[in-house]
Amino acid sequence: MCAEKIQRILMAIMLSLSMYLFTAGMVQYGVMLQTFIIFVIIIWAITDFCPSLWVLQKLVGKCDKKD
């Protein structure tokens, strides 16, 4: 599996965990987790640099481009 796919799966897991925290009554932790996710996505949108994707690319490599 390549970095981009792993990053998408991890983002979905983090958002699911945040949703669980909201429903379990741990709203403060859910808000903190979602704030962190939003902050990273805003950095990614503005600078085209995603810290988690950068680390994953170093560990497992990039996906092959499909033409």
PDB file of N, CA and C in Angstrom:
ATOM      1  N   MET A   1       0.847  -1.172   0.000  1.00  0.00           N
ATOM      2  CA  MET A   1       0.000   0.000   0.000  1.00  0.00           C
ATOM      3  C   MET A   1       0.893   1.237   0.000  1.00  0.00           C
ATOM      4  N   CYS A   2       0.454   2.280  -0.640  1.00  0.00           N
ATOM      5  CA  CYS A   2       1.281   3.474  -0.777  1.00  0.00           C
ATOM      6  C   CYS A   2       0.816   4.583   0.175  1.00  0.00           C
ATOM      7  N   ALA A   3       1.624   5.615   0.281  1.00  0.00           N
ATOM      8  CA  ALA A   3       1.431   6.670   1.268  1.00  0.00           C
ATOM      9  C   ALA A   3       0.090   7.384   1.123  1.00  0.00           C
ATOM     10  N   GLU A   4      -0.311   7.707  -0.099  1.00  0.00           N
ATOM     11  CA  GLU A   4      -1.547   8.462  -0.301  1.00  0.00           C
ATOM     12  C   GLU A   4      -2.767   7.669   0.173  1.00  0.00           C
ATOM     13  N   LYS A   5      -2.792   6.388  -0.117  1.00  0.00           N
ATOM     14  CA  LYS A   5      -3.916   5.557   0.308  1.00  0.00           C
ATOM     15  C   LYS A   5      -3.924   5.387   1.824  1.00  0.00           C
ATOM     16  N   ILE A   6      -2.765   5.172   2.418  1.00  0.00           N
ATOM     17  CA  ILE A   6      -2.671   5.030   3.867  1.00  0.00           C
ATOM     18  C   ILE A   6      -3.117   6.322   4.551  1.00  0.00           C
ATOM     19  N   GLN A   7      -2.721   7.463   3.992  1.00  0.00           N
ATOM     20  CA  GLN A   7      -3.089   8.753   4.578  1.00  0.00           C
ATOM     21  C   GLN A   7      -4.599   8.954   4.547  1.00  0.00           C
ATOM     22  N   ARG A   8      -5.256   8.575   3.467  1.00  0.00           N
ATOM     23  CA  ARG A   8      -6.715   8.700   3.382  1.00  0.00           C
ATOM     24  C   ARG A   8      -7.397   7.790   4.398  1.00  0.00           C
ATOM     25  N   ILE A   9      -6.887   6.578   4.551  1.00  0.00           N
ATOM     26  CA  ILE A   9      -7.462   5.651   5.523  1.00  0.00           C
ATOM     27  C   ILE A   9      -7.269   6.185   6.943  1.00  0.00           C
ATOM     28  N   LEU A  10      -6.076   6.709   7.246  1.00  0.00           N
ATOM     29  CA  LEU A  10      -5.825   7.270   8.566  1.00  0.00           C
ATOM     30  C   LEU A  10      -6.704   8.480   8.846  1.00  0.00           C
ATOM     31  N   MET A  11      -6.948   9.312   7.826  1.00  0.00           N
ATOM     32  CA  MET A  11      -7.822  10.464   8.003  1.00  0.00           C
ATOM     33  C   MET A  11      -9.246  10.005   8.313  1.00  0.00           C
ATOM     34  N   ALA A  12      -9.709   8.977   7.628  1.00  0.00           N
ATOM     35  CA  ALA A  12     -11.046   8.439   7.897  1.00  0.00           C
ATOM     36  C   ALA A  12     -11.122   7.857   9.308  1.00  0.00           C
ATOM     37  N   ILE A  13     -10.066   7.183   9.746  1.00  0.00           N
ATOM     38  CA  ILE A  13     -10.041   6.626  11.105  1.00  0.00           C
ATOM     39  C   ILE A  13     -10.073   7.748  12.138  1.00  0.00           C
ATOM     40  N   MET A  14      -9.298   8.796  11.921  1.00  0.00           N
ATOM     41  CA  MET A  14      -9.274   9.921  12.858  1.00  0.00           C
ATOM     42  C   MET A  14     -10.635  10.607  12.937  1.00  0.00           C
ATOM     43  N   LEU A  15     -11.286  10.805  11.793  1.00  0.00           N
ATOM     44  CA  LEU A  15     -12.610  11.422  11.795  1.00  0.00           C
ATOM     45  C   LEU A  15     -13.636  10.516  12.463  1.00  0.00           C
ATOM     46  N   SER A  16     -13.514   9.215  12.268  1.00  0.00           N
ATOM     47  CA  SER A  16     -14.414   8.268  12.932  1.00  0.00           C
ATOM     48  C   SER A  16     -14.201   8.287  14.442  1.00  0.00           C
ATOM     49  N   LEU A  17     -12.948   8.357  14.869  1.00  0.00           N
ATOM     50  CA  LEU A  17     -12.640   8.441  16.288  1.00  0.00           C
ATOM     51  C   LEU A  17     -13.212   9.719  16.886  1.00  0.00           C
ATOM     52  N   SER A  18     -13.096  10.808  16.155  1.00  0.00           N
ATOM     53  CA  SER A  18     -13.661  12.077  16.610  1.00  0.00           C
ATOM     54  C   SER A  18     -15.175  11.973  16.758  1.00  0.00           C
ATOM     55  N   MET A  19     -15.830  11.338  15.795  1.00  0.00           N
ATOM     56  CA  MET A  19     -17.275  11.156  15.859  1.00  0.00           C
ATOM     57  C   MET A  19     -17.648  10.290  17.062  1.00  0.00           C
ATOM     58  N   TYR A  20     -16.865   9.241  17.311  1.00  0.00           N
ATOM     59  CA  TYR A  20     -17.104   8.384  18.475  1.00  0.00           C
ATOM     60  C   TYR A  20     -16.979   9.175  19.772  1.00  0.00           C
ATOM     61  N   LEU A  21     -15.943  10.011  19.862  1.00  0.00           N
ATOM     62  CA  LEU A  21     -15.750  10.801  21.074  1.00  0.00           C
ATOM     63  C   LEU A  21     -16.927  11.732  21.329  1.00  0.00           C
ATOM     64  N   PHE A  22     -17.487  12.301  20.261  1.00  0.00           N
ATOM     65  CA  PHE A  22     -18.667  13.148  20.413  1.00  0.00           C
ATOM     66  C   PHE A  22     -19.848  12.345  20.954  1.00  0.00           C
ATOM     67  N   THR A  23     -20.084  11.173  20.389  1.00  0.00           N
ATOM     68  CA  THR A  23     -21.243  10.385  20.798  1.00  0.00           C
ATOM     69  C   THR A  23     -21.056   9.751  22.171  1.00  0.00           C
ATOM     70  N   ALA A  24     -19.819   9.549  22.598  1.00  0.00           N
ATOM     71  CA  ALA A  24     -19.544   8.950  23.907  1.00  0.00           C
ATOM     72  C   ALA A  24     -19.529   9.985  25.024  1.00  0.00           C
ATOM     73  N   GLY A  25     -19.807  11.233  24.687  1.00  0.00           N
ATOM     74  CA  GLY A  25     -19.865  12.273  25.706  1.00  0.00           C
ATOM     75  C   GLY A  25     -18.542  12.950  25.993  1.00  0.00           C
ATOM     76  N   MET A  26     -17.501  12.591  25.281  1.00  0.00           N
ATOM     77  CA  MET A  26     -16.196  13.216  25.472  1.00  0.00           C
ATOM     78  C   MET A  26     -16.016  14.309  24.424  1.00  0.00           C
ATOM     79  N   VAL A  27     -16.917  15.293  24.498  1.00  0.00           N
ATOM     80  CA  VAL A  27     -17.000  16.334  23.480  1.00  0.00           C
ATOM     81  C   VAL A  27     -15.705  17.133  23.386  1.00  0.00           C
ATOM     82  N   GLN A  28     -15.083  17.428  24.529  1.00  0.00           N
ATOM     83  CA  GLN A  28     -13.862  18.231  24.523  1.00  0.00           C
ATOM     84  C   GLN A  28     -12.756  17.549  23.710  1.00  0.00           C
ATOM     85  N   TYR A  29     -12.599  16.243  23.878  1.00  0.00           N
ATOM     86  CA  TYR A  29     -11.575  15.519  23.122  1.00  0.00           C
ATOM     87  C   TYR A  29     -11.942  15.435  21.640  1.00  0.00           C
ATOM     88  N   GLY A  30     -13.222  15.278  21.354  1.00  0.00           N
ATOM     89  CA  GLY A  30     -13.674  15.266  19.960  1.00  0.00           C
ATOM     90  C   GLY A  30     -13.396  16.576  19.268  1.00  0.00           C
ATOM     91  N   VAL A  31     -13.641  17.681  19.972  1.00  0.00           N
ATOM     92  CA  VAL A  31     -13.371  19.012  19.410  1.00  0.00           C
ATOM     93  C   VAL A  31     -11.871  19.210  19.188  1.00  0.00           C
ATOM     94  N   MET A  32     -11.066  18.782  20.147  1.00  0.00           N
ATOM     95  CA  MET A  32      -9.611  18.930  19.987  1.00  0.00           C
ATOM     96  C   MET A  32      -9.104  18.132  18.799  1.00  0.00           C
ATOM     97  N   LEU A  33      -9.597  16.903  18.633  1.00  0.00           N
ATOM     98  CA  LEU A  33      -9.161  16.069  17.521  1.00  0.00           C
ATOM     99  C   LEU A  33      -9.608  16.663  16.195  1.00  0.00           C
ATOM    100  N   GLN A  34     -10.846  17.113  16.114  1.00  0.00           N
ATOM    101  CA  GLN A  34     -11.316  17.713  14.863  1.00  0.00           C
ATOM    102  C   GLN A  34     -10.586  19.015  14.555  1.00  0.00           C
ATOM    103  N   THR A  35     -10.279  19.804  15.576  1.00  0.00           N
ATOM    104  CA  THR A  35      -9.516  21.033  15.373  1.00  0.00           C
ATOM    105  C   THR A  35      -8.140  20.722  14.800  1.00  0.00           C
ATOM    106  N   PHE A  36      -7.491  19.686  15.327  1.00  0.00           N
ATOM    107  CA  PHE A  36      -6.191  19.275  14.804  1.00  0.00           C
ATOM    108  C   PHE A  36      -6.296  18.854  13.336  1.00  0.00           C
ATOM    109  N   ILE A  37      -7.311  18.059  13.019  1.00  0.00           N
ATOM    110  CA  ILE A  37      -7.502  17.592  11.642  1.00  0.00           C
ATOM    111  C   ILE A  37      -7.749  18.781  10.707  1.00  0.00           C
ATOM    112  N   ILE A  38      -8.610  19.694  11.123  1.00  0.00           N
ATOM    113  CA  ILE A  38      -8.906  20.879  10.312  1.00  0.00           C
ATOM    114  C   ILE A  38      -7.651  21.715  10.113  1.00  0.00           C
ATOM    115  N   PHE A  39      -6.860  21.887  11.171  1.00  0.00           N
ATOM    116  CA  PHE A  39      -5.626  22.660  11.083  1.00  0.00           C
ATOM    117  C   PHE A  39      -4.668  22.050  10.063  1.00  0.00           C
ATOM    118  N   VAL A  40      -4.490  20.737  10.099  1.00  0.00           N
ATOM    119  CA  VAL A  40      -3.586  20.068   9.155  1.00  0.00           C
ATOM    120  C   VAL A  40      -4.112  20.188   7.723  1.00  0.00           C
ATOM    121  N   ILE A  41      -5.423  20.060   7.528  1.00  0.00           N
ATOM    122  CA  ILE A  41      -5.991  20.168   6.183  1.00  0.00           C
ATOM    123  C   ILE A  41      -5.852  21.587   5.645  1.00  0.00           C
ATOM    124  N   ILE A  42      -6.008  22.598   6.510  1.00  0.00           N
ATOM    125  CA  ILE A  42      -5.821  23.984   6.069  1.00  0.00           C
ATOM    126  C   ILE A  42      -4.371  24.227   5.664  1.00  0.00           C
ATOM    127  N   ILE A  43      -3.424  23.709   6.446  1.00  0.00           N
ATOM    128  CA  ILE A  43      -2.005  23.825   6.070  1.00  0.00           C
ATOM    129  C   ILE A  43      -1.777  23.165   4.718  1.00  0.00           C
ATOM    130  N   TRP A  44      -2.369  21.977   4.529  1.00  0.00           N
ATOM    131  CA  TRP A  44      -2.230  21.252   3.265  1.00  0.00           C
ATOM    132  C   TRP A  44      -2.807  22.057   2.106  1.00  0.00           C
ATOM    133  N   ALA A  45      -3.952  22.699   2.317  1.00  0.00           N
ATOM    134  CA  ALA A  45      -4.599  23.469   1.252  1.00  0.00           C
ATOM    135  C   ALA A  45      -3.808  24.726   0.892  1.00  0.00           C
ATOM    136  N   ILE A  46      -3.270  25.398   1.891  1.00  0.00           N
ATOM    137  CA  ILE A  46      -2.572  26.661   1.647  1.00  0.00           C
ATOM    138  C   ILE A  46      -1.176  26.433   1.074  1.00  0.00           C
ATOM    139  N   THR A  47      -0.438  25.490   1.652  1.00  0.00           N
ATOM    140  CA  THR A  47       0.969  25.321   1.278  1.00  0.00           C
ATOM    141  C   THR A  47       1.234  24.117   0.386  1.00  0.00           C
ATOM    142  N   ASP A  48       0.220  23.290   0.164  1.00  0.00           N
ATOM    143  CA  ASP A  48       0.370  22.038  -0.583  1.00  0.00           C
ATOM    144  C   ASP A  48       1.398  21.124   0.095  1.00  0.00           C
ATOM    145  N   PHE A  49       1.468  21.208   1.416  1.00  0.00           N
ATOM    146  CA  PHE A  49       2.345  20.356   2.216  1.00  0.00           C
ATOM    147  C   PHE A  49       1.515  19.719   3.319  1.00  0.00           C
ATOM    148  N   CYS A  50       1.437  18.394   3.334  1.00  0.00           N
ATOM    149  CA  CYS A  50       0.720  17.669   4.365  1.00  0.00           C
ATOM    150  C   CYS A  50       1.757  16.920   5.210  1.00  0.00           C
ATOM    151  N   PRO A  51       1.884  17.288   6.483  1.00  0.00           N
ATOM    152  CA  PRO A  51       2.904  16.649   7.327  1.00  0.00           C
ATOM    153  C   PRO A  51       2.765  15.129   7.396  1.00  0.00           C
ATOM    154  N   SER A  52       1.543  14.632   7.532  1.00  0.00           N
ATOM    155  CA  SER A  52       1.370  13.180   7.642  1.00  0.00           C
ATOM    156  C   SER A  52       1.727  12.485   6.334  1.00  0.00           C
ATOM    157  N   LEU A  53       1.383  13.097   5.222  1.00  0.00           N
ATOM    158  CA  LEU A  53       1.712  12.517   3.922  1.00  0.00           C
ATOM    159  C   LEU A  53       3.220  12.529   3.700  1.00  0.00           C
ATOM    160  N   TRP A  54       3.885  13.571   4.141  1.00  0.00           N
ATOM    161  CA  TRP A  54       5.331  13.668   4.000  1.00  0.00           C
ATOM    162  C   TRP A  54       6.019  12.537   4.767  1.00  0.00           C
ATOM    163  N   VAL A  55       5.572  12.306   6.017  1.00  0.00           N
ATOM    164  CA  VAL A  55       6.164  11.242   6.837  1.00  0.00           C
ATOM    165  C   VAL A  55       5.884   9.878   6.209  1.00  0.00           C
ATOM    166  N   LEU A  56       4.645   9.657   5.775  1.00  0.00           N
ATOM    167  CA  LEU A  56       4.294   8.364   5.180  1.00  0.00           C
ATOM    168  C   LEU A  56       5.066   8.102   3.890  1.00  0.00           C
ATOM    169  N   GLN A  57       5.298   9.137   3.097  1.00  0.00           N
ATOM    170  CA  GLN A  57       6.069   8.953   1.866  1.00  0.00           C
ATOM    171  C   GLN A  57       7.499   8.548   2.179  1.00  0.00           C
ATOM    172  N   LYS A  58       8.045   9.051   3.275  1.00  0.00           N
ATOM    173  CA  LYS A  58       9.397   8.650   3.687  1.00  0.00           C
ATOM    174  C   LYS A  58       9.416   7.193   4.146  1.00  0.00           C
ATOM    175  N   LEU A  59       8.328   6.741   4.778  1.00  0.00           N
ATOM    176  CA  LEU A  59       8.281   5.390   5.326  1.00  0.00           C
ATOM    177  C   LEU A  59       7.924   4.325   4.293  1.00  0.00           C
ATOM    178  N   VAL A  60       6.895   4.578   3.467  1.00  0.00           N
ATOM    179  CA  VAL A  60       6.401   3.531   2.564  1.00  0.00           C
ATOM    180  C   VAL A  60       6.497   3.876   1.086  1.00  0.00           C
ATOM    181  N   GLY A  61       6.766   5.108   0.741  1.00  0.00           N
ATOM    182  CA  GLY A  61       6.902   5.487  -0.659  1.00  0.00           C
ATOM    183  C   GLY A  61       5.620   6.022  -1.261  1.00  0.00           C
ATOM    184  N   LYS A  62       5.777   6.658  -2.420  1.00  0.00           N
ATOM    185  CA  LYS A  62       4.643   7.276  -3.121  1.00  0.00           C
ATOM    186  C   LYS A  62       3.901   6.225  -3.943  1.00  0.00           C
ATOM    187  N   CYS A  63       2.676   6.577  -4.318  1.00  0.00           N
ATOM    188  CA  CYS A  63       1.900   5.726  -5.220  1.00  0.00           C
ATOM    189  C   CYS A  63       2.417   5.895  -6.648  1.00  0.00           C
ATOM    190  N   ASP A  64       2.303   4.837  -7.437  1.00  0.00           N
ATOM    191  CA  ASP A  64       2.656   4.943  -8.840  1.00  0.00           C
ATOM    192  C   ASP A  64       1.588   5.735  -9.562  1.00  0.00           C
ATOM    193  N   LYS A  65       2.007   6.611 -10.481  1.00  0.00           N
ATOM    194  CA  LYS A  65       1.055   7.405 -11.245  1.00  0.00           C
ATOM    195  C   LYS A  65       0.397   6.552 -12.292  1.00  0.00           C
ATOM    196  N   LYS A  66      -0.928   6.695 -12.413  1.00  0.00           N
ATOM    197  CA  LYS A  66      -1.669   5.994 -13.467  1.00  0.00           C
ATOM    198  C   LYS A  66      -1.843   6.937 -14.646  1.00  0.00           C
ATOM    199  N   ASP A  67      -1.490   6.474 -15.820  1.00  0.00           N
ATOM    200  CA  ASP A  67      -1.633   7.317 -17.027  1.00  0.00           C
ATOM    201  C   ASP A  67      -2.841   6.932 -17.810  1.00  0.00           C
TER     202      ASP A  67
END
